[in-house]
Structures are given as C-alpha cells and as structure tokens.
Amino acid sequence: MSAGAISRPLALALAEELVFASNELNELAYDLGSNGETLRRHMASIQRIDYVTQIQLAVATLLRVEGASDADLGAVTLQDMVDRLRSTLATLEQQAAAA
C-alpha cells in the first residue's frame, strides 16, 4: 500500500459510515418534511439535505470500488460532483508533478 492510500477494510468501513450518515440525514429530512409548515418554510434546505445524502452515497460507492480511479467517476450521477472531483484530481496531479 502506498503512503497516501487507505487500507481496503478502512475504505469499506468508511463507506458504511457514509451510508449510515446518509440514512440519518434522510430520516431527519423526512421528519422535517412531515410537518407542512416546516416543509413550506424550509423546502430548499430539506432539498439540500437530500443532495448531501446523494453525495455521501456516491462517495460510499466509489470507496467500495477496489482500486478506484478517475475512470470510475462515470458511475457518479451527480454531474457537478464529478466536475468538482475531476477539478480536484487535476489540481492534485499538477501539484504532484511540480513537486
């Protein structure tokens, strides 16, 4: 394992934690949305909670892929997340090349 890599068991455990956190946020959003007044006043925030859970689940999916690379980003359905990840990867690769 390279110095920057995480172990496979840790990656899988982190994926499970992200799924757990996503489920907790989902339940919270459901509870908040069950109250009509809260739903009307905070619809955008509740939708952002859902968006965060989607990001968490996508990261969990990528963590479960053994030897995941930027080629695996095609499985992510959130295009803005894919764009951010590709941008970050490009920046990190440039930094590594300059070092």
N, C-alpha and C. Protein backbone atom coordinates (compact mmCIF):
# COMPACT_ATOMS: atom_id res chain seq x y z
N MET A 1 0.84 -1.17 0.00
CA MET A 1 0.00 0.00 0.00
C MET A 1 0.89 1.24 0.00
N SER A 2 0.59 2.19 -0.88
CA SER A 2 1.39 3.40 -0.94
C SER A 2 1.10 4.29 0.27
N ALA A 3 1.98 5.25 0.51
CA ALA A 3 1.87 6.09 1.69
C ALA A 3 0.55 6.87 1.72
N GLY A 4 0.01 7.24 0.57
CA GLY A 4 -1.21 8.02 0.53
C GLY A 4 -2.48 7.20 0.46
N ALA A 5 -2.36 5.89 0.36
CA ALA A 5 -3.53 5.03 0.19
C ALA A 5 -4.09 4.62 1.55
N ILE A 6 -5.39 4.35 1.57
CA ILE A 6 -6.01 3.82 2.78
C ILE A 6 -6.23 2.32 2.58
N SER A 7 -6.26 1.60 3.67
CA SER A 7 -6.43 0.15 3.56
C SER A 7 -7.83 -0.16 3.05
N ARG A 8 -7.97 -1.32 2.41
CA ARG A 8 -9.27 -1.76 1.88
C ARG A 8 -10.31 -1.87 2.98
N PRO A 9 -10.00 -2.51 4.12
CA PRO A 9 -11.00 -2.58 5.18
C PRO A 9 -11.44 -1.20 5.68
N LEU A 10 -10.49 -0.27 5.77
CA LEU A 10 -10.86 1.09 6.20
C LEU A 10 -11.75 1.76 5.17
N ALA A 11 -11.45 1.60 3.89
CA ALA A 11 -12.28 2.19 2.84
C ALA A 11 -13.71 1.65 2.92
N LEU A 12 -13.84 0.36 3.14
CA LEU A 12 -15.17 -0.25 3.25
C LEU A 12 -15.90 0.21 4.51
N ALA A 13 -15.16 0.34 5.61
CA ALA A 13 -15.77 0.82 6.85
C ALA A 13 -16.22 2.28 6.69
N LEU A 14 -15.41 3.09 6.04
CA LEU A 14 -15.79 4.49 5.78
C LEU A 14 -17.03 4.57 4.90
N ALA A 15 -17.11 3.69 3.91
CA ALA A 15 -18.29 3.65 3.05
C ALA A 15 -19.53 3.34 3.87
N GLU A 16 -19.43 2.40 4.78
CA GLU A 16 -20.57 2.05 5.64
C GLU A 16 -20.97 3.22 6.52
N GLU A 17 -20.00 3.96 7.04
CA GLU A 17 -20.31 5.13 7.86
C GLU A 17 -21.02 6.21 7.05
N LEU A 18 -20.60 6.38 5.80
CA LEU A 18 -21.27 7.35 4.94
C LEU A 18 -22.72 6.94 4.67
N VAL A 19 -22.95 5.66 4.47
CA VAL A 19 -24.32 5.17 4.27
C VAL A 19 -25.14 5.40 5.53
N PHE A 20 -24.55 5.11 6.69
CA PHE A 20 -25.23 5.34 7.96
C PHE A 20 -25.60 6.82 8.11
N ALA A 21 -24.64 7.70 7.87
CA ALA A 21 -24.90 9.14 7.99
C ALA A 21 -25.97 9.59 7.00
N SER A 22 -25.93 9.04 5.81
CA SER A 22 -26.94 9.38 4.79
C SER A 22 -28.33 8.96 5.25
N ASN A 23 -28.43 7.77 5.82
CA ASN A 23 -29.72 7.31 6.33
C ASN A 23 -30.22 8.20 7.46
N GLU A 24 -29.32 8.62 8.33
CA GLU A 24 -29.71 9.52 9.42
C GLU A 24 -30.22 10.85 8.87
N LEU A 25 -29.51 11.40 7.90
CA LEU A 25 -29.94 12.66 7.29
C LEU A 25 -31.27 12.49 6.56
N ASN A 26 -31.44 11.36 5.90
CA ASN A 26 -32.70 11.07 5.20
C ASN A 26 -33.86 11.06 6.19
N GLU A 27 -33.67 10.41 7.33
CA GLU A 27 -34.72 10.36 8.34
C GLU A 27 -35.02 11.75 8.88
N LEU A 28 -33.98 12.54 9.09
CA LEU A 28 -34.15 13.91 9.55
C LEU A 28 -34.96 14.72 8.53
N ALA A 29 -34.60 14.62 7.26
CA ALA A 29 -35.31 15.35 6.22
C ALA A 29 -36.77 14.89 6.14
N TYR A 30 -37.00 13.59 6.30
CA TYR A 30 -38.37 13.07 6.28
C TYR A 30 -39.17 13.64 7.45
N ASP A 31 -38.56 13.63 8.64
CA ASP A 31 -39.24 14.18 9.81
C ASP A 31 -39.58 15.66 9.61
N LEU A 32 -38.62 16.42 9.12
CA LEU A 32 -38.85 17.85 8.88
C LEU A 32 -39.92 18.07 7.81
N GLY A 33 -39.90 17.24 6.78
CA GLY A 33 -40.86 17.37 5.69
C GLY A 33 -42.26 16.90 6.05
N SER A 34 -42.38 16.15 7.14
CA SER A 34 -43.69 15.65 7.56
C SER A 34 -44.57 16.75 8.14
N ASN A 35 -43.94 17.83 8.57
CA ASN A 35 -44.69 18.97 9.08
C ASN A 35 -44.87 19.96 7.94
N GLY A 36 -46.13 20.19 7.57
CA GLY A 36 -46.42 21.04 6.42
C GLY A 36 -45.83 22.43 6.52
N GLU A 37 -45.91 23.06 7.69
CA GLU A 37 -45.37 24.41 7.86
C GLU A 37 -43.85 24.41 7.71
N THR A 38 -43.21 23.43 8.34
CA THR A 38 -41.74 23.32 8.22
C THR A 38 -41.35 23.07 6.77
N LEU A 39 -42.09 22.22 6.12
CA LEU A 39 -41.80 21.91 4.71
C LEU A 39 -41.90 23.17 3.85
N ARG A 40 -42.97 23.94 4.04
CA ARG A 40 -43.13 25.17 3.25
C ARG A 40 -42.02 26.18 3.53
N ARG A 41 -41.65 26.31 4.79
CA ARG A 41 -40.66 27.33 5.15
C ARG A 41 -39.23 26.92 4.82
N HIS A 42 -38.98 25.62 4.75
CA HIS A 42 -37.59 25.15 4.62
C HIS A 42 -37.39 24.16 3.49
N MET A 43 -38.20 24.24 2.46
CA MET A 43 -38.11 23.29 1.34
C MET A 43 -36.72 23.25 0.74
N ALA A 44 -36.12 24.41 0.49
CA ALA A 44 -34.80 24.44 -0.13
C ALA A 44 -33.75 23.76 0.75
N SER A 45 -33.84 23.99 2.05
CA SER A 45 -32.88 23.37 2.97
C SER A 45 -33.07 21.86 3.03
N ILE A 46 -34.32 21.42 3.02
CA ILE A 46 -34.60 19.98 3.04
C ILE A 46 -34.08 19.34 1.75
N GLN A 47 -34.21 20.04 0.64
CA GLN A 47 -33.68 19.52 -0.63
C GLN A 47 -32.16 19.45 -0.59
N ARG A 48 -31.51 20.41 0.09
CA ARG A 48 -30.06 20.36 0.22
C ARG A 48 -29.62 19.18 1.07
N ILE A 49 -30.41 18.82 2.08
CA ILE A 49 -30.10 17.63 2.88
C ILE A 49 -30.11 16.41 1.96
N ASP A 50 -31.12 16.33 1.10
CA ASP A 50 -31.20 15.21 0.15
C ASP A 50 -29.98 15.19 -0.77
N TYR A 51 -29.56 16.36 -1.23
CA TYR A 51 -28.40 16.46 -2.11
C TYR A 51 -27.14 15.95 -1.40
N VAL A 52 -26.98 16.33 -0.13
CA VAL A 52 -25.83 15.88 0.64
C VAL A 52 -25.85 14.36 0.79
N THR A 53 -27.03 13.79 1.02
CA THR A 53 -27.10 12.34 1.14
C THR A 53 -26.72 11.67 -0.18
N GLN A 54 -27.09 12.27 -1.30
CA GLN A 54 -26.70 11.70 -2.60
C GLN A 54 -25.19 11.74 -2.77
N ILE A 55 -24.55 12.83 -2.36
CA ILE A 55 -23.09 12.93 -2.44
C ILE A 55 -22.46 11.84 -1.56
N GLN A 56 -22.95 11.71 -0.33
CA GLN A 56 -22.40 10.71 0.57
C GLN A 56 -22.51 9.31 -0.01
N LEU A 57 -23.65 8.99 -0.58
CA LEU A 57 -23.84 7.66 -1.15
C LEU A 57 -22.94 7.43 -2.36
N ALA A 58 -22.72 8.48 -3.15
CA ALA A 58 -21.81 8.36 -4.30
C ALA A 58 -20.38 8.12 -3.84
N VAL A 59 -19.96 8.84 -2.80
CA VAL A 59 -18.61 8.63 -2.25
C VAL A 59 -18.50 7.22 -1.69
N ALA A 60 -19.53 6.75 -0.99
CA ALA A 60 -19.51 5.39 -0.46
C ALA A 60 -19.37 4.38 -1.58
N THR A 61 -20.08 4.59 -2.67
CA THR A 61 -19.98 3.69 -3.82
C THR A 61 -18.55 3.66 -4.36
N LEU A 62 -17.94 4.83 -4.50
CA LEU A 62 -16.56 4.90 -5.01
C LEU A 62 -15.58 4.25 -4.04
N LEU A 63 -15.80 4.42 -2.74
CA LEU A 63 -14.92 3.79 -1.75
C LEU A 63 -14.99 2.27 -1.82
N ARG A 64 -16.13 1.75 -2.23
CA ARG A 64 -16.30 0.29 -2.32
C ARG A 64 -15.63 -0.31 -3.54
N VAL A 65 -15.28 0.51 -4.53
CA VAL A 65 -14.64 0.01 -5.75
C VAL A 65 -13.16 -0.20 -5.45
N GLU A 66 -12.73 -1.45 -5.52
CA GLU A 66 -11.32 -1.73 -5.27
C GLU A 66 -10.47 -1.13 -6.38
N GLY A 67 -9.46 -0.37 -5.98
CA GLY A 67 -8.57 0.27 -6.96
C GLY A 67 -9.27 1.34 -7.78
N ALA A 68 -10.23 2.04 -7.18
CA ALA A 68 -10.99 3.06 -7.90
C ALA A 68 -10.04 4.12 -8.48
N SER A 69 -10.40 4.61 -9.65
CA SER A 69 -9.63 5.67 -10.30
C SER A 69 -10.60 6.68 -10.88
N ASP A 70 -10.05 7.70 -11.51
CA ASP A 70 -10.93 8.72 -12.09
C ASP A 70 -11.82 8.14 -13.19
N ALA A 71 -11.47 7.00 -13.74
CA ALA A 71 -12.32 6.34 -14.73
C ALA A 71 -13.64 5.88 -14.12
N ASP A 72 -13.63 5.63 -12.81
CA ASP A 72 -14.84 5.17 -12.12
C ASP A 72 -15.82 6.31 -11.84
N LEU A 73 -15.42 7.54 -12.10
CA LEU A 73 -16.31 8.67 -11.85
C LEU A 73 -17.53 8.64 -12.77
N GLY A 74 -17.46 7.90 -13.85
CA GLY A 74 -18.59 7.78 -14.76
C GLY A 74 -19.82 7.17 -14.10
N ALA A 75 -19.61 6.46 -13.00
CA ALA A 75 -20.73 5.84 -12.30
C ALA A 75 -21.47 6.85 -11.41
N VAL A 76 -20.86 8.00 -11.18
CA VAL A 76 -21.48 9.03 -10.34
C VAL A 76 -22.52 9.79 -11.16
N THR A 77 -23.73 9.88 -10.63
CA THR A 77 -24.83 10.50 -11.37
C THR A 77 -24.97 12.00 -11.11
N LEU A 78 -24.21 12.54 -10.17
CA LEU A 78 -24.26 13.97 -9.88
C LEU A 78 -23.15 14.67 -10.67
N GLN A 79 -23.52 15.29 -11.78
CA GLN A 79 -22.52 15.85 -12.68
C GLN A 79 -21.67 16.93 -12.01
N ASP A 80 -22.26 17.76 -11.17
CA ASP A 80 -21.46 18.79 -10.52
C ASP A 80 -20.44 18.17 -9.56
N MET A 81 -20.78 17.05 -8.96
CA MET A 81 -19.83 16.34 -8.11
C MET A 81 -18.68 15.79 -8.95
N VAL A 82 -19.02 15.19 -10.08
CA VAL A 82 -18.00 14.67 -10.99
C VAL A 82 -17.07 15.80 -11.42
N ASP A 83 -17.64 16.94 -11.76
CA ASP A 83 -16.83 18.09 -12.19
C ASP A 83 -15.89 18.55 -11.07
N ARG A 84 -16.41 18.62 -9.85
CA ARG A 84 -15.56 19.03 -8.72
C ARG A 84 -14.44 18.03 -8.48
N LEU A 85 -14.78 16.73 -8.52
CA LEU A 85 -13.77 15.70 -8.31
C LEU A 85 -12.69 15.75 -9.39
N ARG A 86 -13.10 15.89 -10.64
CA ARG A 86 -12.12 15.95 -11.73
C ARG A 86 -11.23 17.18 -11.59
N SER A 87 -11.81 18.30 -11.20
CA SER A 87 -11.03 19.51 -10.99
C SER A 87 -10.02 19.32 -9.86
N THR A 88 -10.47 18.73 -8.76
CA THR A 88 -9.57 18.48 -7.63
C THR A 88 -8.47 17.50 -8.02
N LEU A 89 -8.83 16.44 -8.74
CA LEU A 89 -7.82 15.48 -9.20
C LEU A 89 -6.78 16.15 -10.09
N ALA A 90 -7.23 17.00 -11.00
CA ALA A 90 -6.30 17.70 -11.89
C ALA A 90 -5.35 18.59 -11.10
N THR A 91 -5.88 19.29 -10.12
CA THR A 91 -5.05 20.16 -9.27
C THR A 91 -4.02 19.33 -8.50
N LEU A 92 -4.45 18.22 -7.94
CA LEU A 92 -3.54 17.37 -7.18
C LEU A 92 -2.46 16.77 -8.07
N GLU A 93 -2.84 16.39 -9.28
CA GLU A 93 -1.85 15.85 -10.22
C GLU A 93 -0.84 16.91 -10.62
N GLN A 94 -1.30 18.14 -10.82
CA GLN A 94 -0.37 19.25 -11.14
C GLN A 94 0.58 19.51 -9.98
N GLN A 95 0.06 19.48 -8.77
CA GLN A 95 0.91 19.69 -7.60
C GLN A 95 1.95 18.58 -7.46
N ALA A 96 1.53 17.35 -7.72
CA ALA A 96 2.44 16.22 -7.61
C ALA A 96 3.54 16.31 -8.68
N ALA A 97 3.15 16.75 -9.88
CA ALA A 97 4.13 16.87 -10.96
C ALA A 97 5.14 17.98 -10.68
N ALA A 98 4.68 19.03 -9.99
CA ALA A 98 5.56 20.15 -9.70
C ALA A 98 6.50 19.86 -8.53
N ALA A 99 6.16 18.88 -7.73
CA ALA A 99 6.98 18.57 -6.53
C ALA A 99 8.24 17.82 -6.88
